[in-house]
Amino acid sequence: MQSRFMSTEAFLRLEKEWQHLRRAAQKLEIEANRPNERNIEVMAGSELVDLLSGRIKSS
């Protein structure tokens, strides 16, 4: 008769593989959401101008 439950060893292997896949998916999401260098330069330039003009106005 077949056991209704998997062995602890099989469960731990499955859990390890699941965690590996989960971390890989999270890493891909982070990389996909990270802006590229060009967007960073454009954002940094406009935000820097806003910050500097705001500081000058508030000074």
C-alpha atoms as a PDB file:
ATOM      1  CA  MET A   1       0.000   0.000   0.000  1.00  0.00           C
ATOM      2  CA  GLN A   2       1.252   3.473  -0.882  1.00  0.00           C
ATOM      3  CA  SER A   3       1.911   6.001   1.875  1.00  0.00           C
ATOM      4  CA  ARG A   4      -0.386   9.021   1.971  1.00  0.00           C
ATOM      5  CA  PHE A   5       2.448  11.322   2.996  1.00  0.00           C
ATOM      6  CA  MET A   6       5.758  12.091   1.338  1.00  0.00           C
ATOM      7  CA  SER A   7       8.952  11.385   3.194  1.00  0.00           C
ATOM      8  CA  THR A   8      10.671  14.168   5.103  1.00  0.00           C
ATOM      9  CA  GLU A   9      13.608  13.982   2.697  1.00  0.00           C
ATOM     10  CA  ALA A  10      11.334  14.429  -0.319  1.00  0.00           C
ATOM     11  CA  PHE A  11       9.534  17.305   1.381  1.00  0.00           C
ATOM     12  CA  LEU A  12      12.797  19.077   2.211  1.00  0.00           C
ATOM     13  CA  ARG A  13      14.033  18.695  -1.387  1.00  0.00           C
ATOM     14  CA  LEU A  14      10.750  20.105  -2.661  1.00  0.00           C
ATOM     15  CA  GLU A  15      10.868  22.983  -0.161  1.00  0.00           C
ATOM     16  CA  LYS A  16      14.473  23.800  -1.115  1.00  0.00           C
ATOM     17  CA  GLU A  17      13.582  23.877  -4.818  1.00  0.00           C
ATOM     18  CA  TRP A  18      10.512  26.033  -4.101  1.00  0.00           C
ATOM     19  CA  GLN A  19      12.618  28.564  -2.162  1.00  0.00           C
ATOM     20  CA  HIS A  20      15.185  28.625  -4.970  1.00  0.00           C
ATOM     21  CA  LEU A  21      12.487  29.353  -7.566  1.00  0.00           C
ATOM     22  CA  ARG A  22      10.881  31.969  -5.324  1.00  0.00           C
ATOM     23  CA  ARG A  23      14.177  33.833  -4.865  1.00  0.00           C
ATOM     24  CA  ALA A  24      14.878  33.670  -8.598  1.00  0.00           C
ATOM     25  CA  ALA A  25      11.440  35.133  -9.352  1.00  0.00           C
ATOM     26  CA  GLN A  26      11.947  37.926  -6.810  1.00  0.00           C
ATOM     27  CA  LYS A  27      15.356  38.721  -8.291  1.00  0.00           C
ATOM     28  CA  LEU A  28      13.846  38.926 -11.777  1.00  0.00           C
ATOM     29  CA  GLU A  29      11.082  41.230 -10.506  1.00  0.00           C
ATOM     30  CA  ILE A  30      13.648  43.517  -8.892  1.00  0.00           C
ATOM     31  CA  GLU A  31      15.725  43.628 -12.075  1.00  0.00           C
ATOM     32  CA  ALA A  32      12.637  44.262 -14.202  1.00  0.00           C
ATOM     33  CA  ASN A  33      11.543  47.146 -11.967  1.00  0.00           C
ATOM     34  CA  ARG A  34      14.999  48.709 -11.764  1.00  0.00           C
ATOM     35  CA  PRO A  35      15.227  51.734 -14.065  1.00  0.00           C
ATOM     36  CA  ASN A  36      17.977  51.678 -16.635  1.00  0.00           C
ATOM     37  CA  GLU A  37      20.883  54.141 -16.497  1.00  0.00           C
ATOM     38  CA  ARG A  38      19.392  56.564 -19.012  1.00  0.00           C
ATOM     39  CA  ASN A  39      16.159  56.887 -17.057  1.00  0.00           C
ATOM     40  CA  ILE A  40      18.139  57.399 -13.857  1.00  0.00           C
ATOM     41  CA  GLU A  41      20.112  60.246 -15.441  1.00  0.00           C
ATOM     42  CA  VAL A  42      16.945  61.915 -16.739  1.00  0.00           C
ATOM     43  CA  MET A  43      15.155  61.493 -13.406  1.00  0.00           C
ATOM     44  CA  ALA A  44      18.178  62.602 -11.415  1.00  0.00           C
ATOM     45  CA  GLY A  45      18.634  65.656 -13.609  1.00  0.00           C
ATOM     46  CA  SER A  46      15.039  66.852 -13.314  1.00  0.00           C
ATOM     47  CA  GLU A  47      14.795  66.007  -9.616  1.00  0.00           C
ATOM     48  CA  LEU A  48      18.113  67.708  -8.929  1.00  0.00           C
ATOM     49  CA  VAL A  49      16.893  70.861 -10.668  1.00  0.00           C
ATOM     50  CA  ASP A  50      13.663  70.697  -8.635  1.00  0.00           C
ATOM     51  CA  LEU A  51      15.598  70.179  -5.418  1.00  0.00           C
ATOM     52  CA  LEU A  52      18.021  73.001  -6.105  1.00  0.00           C
ATOM     53  CA  SER A  53      15.284  75.426  -7.130  1.00  0.00           C
ATOM     54  CA  GLY A  54      13.280  74.433  -4.062  1.00  0.00           C
ATOM     55  CA  ARG A  55      16.254  74.991  -1.772  1.00  0.00           C
ATOM     56  CA  ILE A  56      17.041  78.316  -3.355  1.00  0.00           C
ATOM     57  CA  LYS A  57      13.412  79.450  -3.053  1.00  0.00           C
ATOM     58  CA  SER A  58      13.144  78.327   0.564  1.00  0.00           C
ATOM     59  CA  SER A  59      16.497  79.821   1.590  1.00  0.00           C
END
